[in-house]
Amino acid sequence: MNRIANVKPRLAVLYDGAAGPKVYRVAVDIAAKAWDSGSSVRVRRLGQLVMPDDSATRREWLEMLDDVGDIPEAAPEDLEWASVALVVSRPLRLANDHRAVVASG
């Protein structure tokens, strides 16, 4: 009798390091919900963490900085590991340029 193995979904949540605290919080919320539903989850940063000049005086930036210290930058191995990858970023500010990136394996 053949049985299909119950394979746990593997989600890689990649957030844009230049997008700021709101995007980071969305990425973490998605990861937490996926984890709670039984998925294996990795949260990774895309690119360098980019902070505005006044970030040291903004509470939301300071809170994010406390959290992101242990989050590694995304690597090809993260995409190879994942059965689904989700990229979380902010909308581009260029006129008439609305792009979304969604990847799944």
Protein backbone atom coordinates (compact mmCIF):
# COMPACT_ATOMS: atom_id res chain seq x y z
CA MET A 1 0.00 0.00 0.00
CA ASN A 2 1.46 3.37 -1.04
CA ARG A 3 1.26 6.22 1.39
CA ILE A 4 1.93 9.83 0.61
CA ALA A 5 4.29 11.30 3.15
CA ASN A 6 2.90 14.23 5.06
CA VAL A 7 5.51 16.82 4.13
CA LYS A 8 5.57 19.95 6.25
CA PRO A 9 5.44 23.11 4.08
CA ARG A 10 8.61 25.22 4.20
CA LEU A 11 8.07 28.98 3.88
CA ALA A 12 10.87 31.49 3.33
CA VAL A 13 9.69 35.03 4.12
CA LEU A 14 12.11 37.52 2.59
CA TYR A 15 11.69 41.16 3.59
CA ASP A 16 13.26 44.18 1.95
CA GLY A 17 15.91 45.60 4.29
CA ALA A 18 15.30 49.08 2.89
CA ALA A 19 11.52 49.00 3.34
CA GLY A 20 11.33 49.90 7.03
CA PRO A 21 9.58 48.75 10.19
CA LYS A 22 6.06 48.36 8.77
CA VAL A 23 7.21 45.92 6.10
CA TYR A 24 9.33 44.06 8.64
CA ARG A 25 6.31 43.69 10.97
CA VAL A 26 4.17 42.36 8.10
CA ALA A 27 6.86 39.79 7.27
CA VAL A 28 7.11 38.65 10.89
CA ASP A 29 3.31 38.44 11.22
CA ILE A 30 3.12 36.25 8.10
CA ALA A 31 5.91 34.03 9.41
CA ALA A 32 4.21 33.67 12.82
CA LYS A 33 0.89 32.67 11.27
CA ALA A 34 2.60 30.14 8.98
CA TRP A 35 4.50 28.70 11.95
CA ASP A 36 1.29 28.46 14.00
CA SER A 37 -0.38 26.56 11.15
CA GLY A 38 2.40 23.95 11.11
CA SER A 39 4.85 25.21 8.48
CA SER A 40 8.60 25.39 8.86
CA VAL A 41 9.57 29.03 8.48
CA ARG A 42 12.67 31.11 7.75
CA VAL A 43 12.66 34.91 7.87
CA ARG A 44 15.46 36.52 5.89
CA ARG A 45 16.46 40.06 4.92
CA LEU A 46 16.94 41.08 1.29
CA GLY A 47 19.80 43.55 0.93
CA GLN A 48 21.34 45.79 3.51
CA LEU A 49 19.32 47.33 6.30
CA VAL A 50 18.80 50.93 5.19
CA MET A 51 17.82 53.45 7.83
CA PRO A 52 16.80 57.09 7.44
CA ASP A 53 18.95 59.75 9.07
CA ASP A 54 16.40 60.38 11.82
CA SER A 55 15.85 56.70 12.66
CA ALA A 56 17.55 57.03 16.06
CA THR A 57 14.71 59.27 17.22
CA ARG A 58 11.85 57.20 15.82
CA ARG A 59 10.40 54.57 18.16
CA GLU A 60 9.30 52.13 15.43
CA TRP A 61 12.82 52.05 13.97
CA LEU A 62 14.41 51.47 17.37
CA GLU A 63 12.02 48.58 18.08
CA MET A 64 12.79 47.00 14.71
CA LEU A 65 16.55 47.35 15.24
CA ASP A 66 16.25 45.39 18.50
CA ASP A 67 14.63 42.51 16.59
CA VAL A 68 16.61 42.29 13.33
CA GLY A 69 20.09 41.77 14.72
CA ASP A 70 19.88 37.98 14.45
CA ILE A 71 18.11 37.81 11.08
CA PRO A 72 20.54 36.79 8.33
CA GLU A 73 20.58 38.09 4.80
CA ALA A 74 18.81 35.84 2.29
CA ALA A 75 20.98 33.34 0.44
CA PRO A 76 20.30 30.99 -2.49
CA GLU A 77 20.16 28.11 -0.01
CA ASP A 78 17.05 29.65 1.57
CA LEU A 79 15.19 29.44 -1.73
CA GLU A 80 16.42 25.90 -2.33
CA TRP A 81 15.14 24.92 1.13
CA ALA A 82 11.72 26.54 0.73
CA SER A 83 8.69 24.98 -0.86
CA VAL A 84 7.20 28.51 -0.98
CA ALA A 85 8.99 31.88 -0.89
CA LEU A 86 7.28 35.20 -0.24
CA VAL A 87 8.95 38.56 -0.81
CA VAL A 88 7.59 41.43 1.28
CA SER A 89 8.49 44.97 0.20
CA ARG A 90 6.97 48.40 -0.10
CA PRO A 91 5.47 49.70 -3.33
CA LEU A 92 7.91 51.32 -5.68
CA ARG A 93 7.64 55.09 -5.75
CA LEU A 94 8.23 55.41 -9.48
CA ALA A 95 5.32 56.74 -11.49
CA ASN A 96 3.42 54.09 -13.46
CA ASP A 97 5.73 51.34 -12.21
CA HIS A 98 3.76 48.82 -10.14
CA ARG A 99 5.54 45.47 -9.87
CA ALA A 100 5.04 42.58 -7.48
CA VAL A 101 7.36 39.66 -6.96
CA VAL A 102 6.00 36.28 -5.92
CA ALA A 103 8.02 33.08 -6.10
CA SER A 104 7.13 29.52 -5.30
CA GLY A 105 9.00 26.30 -5.74
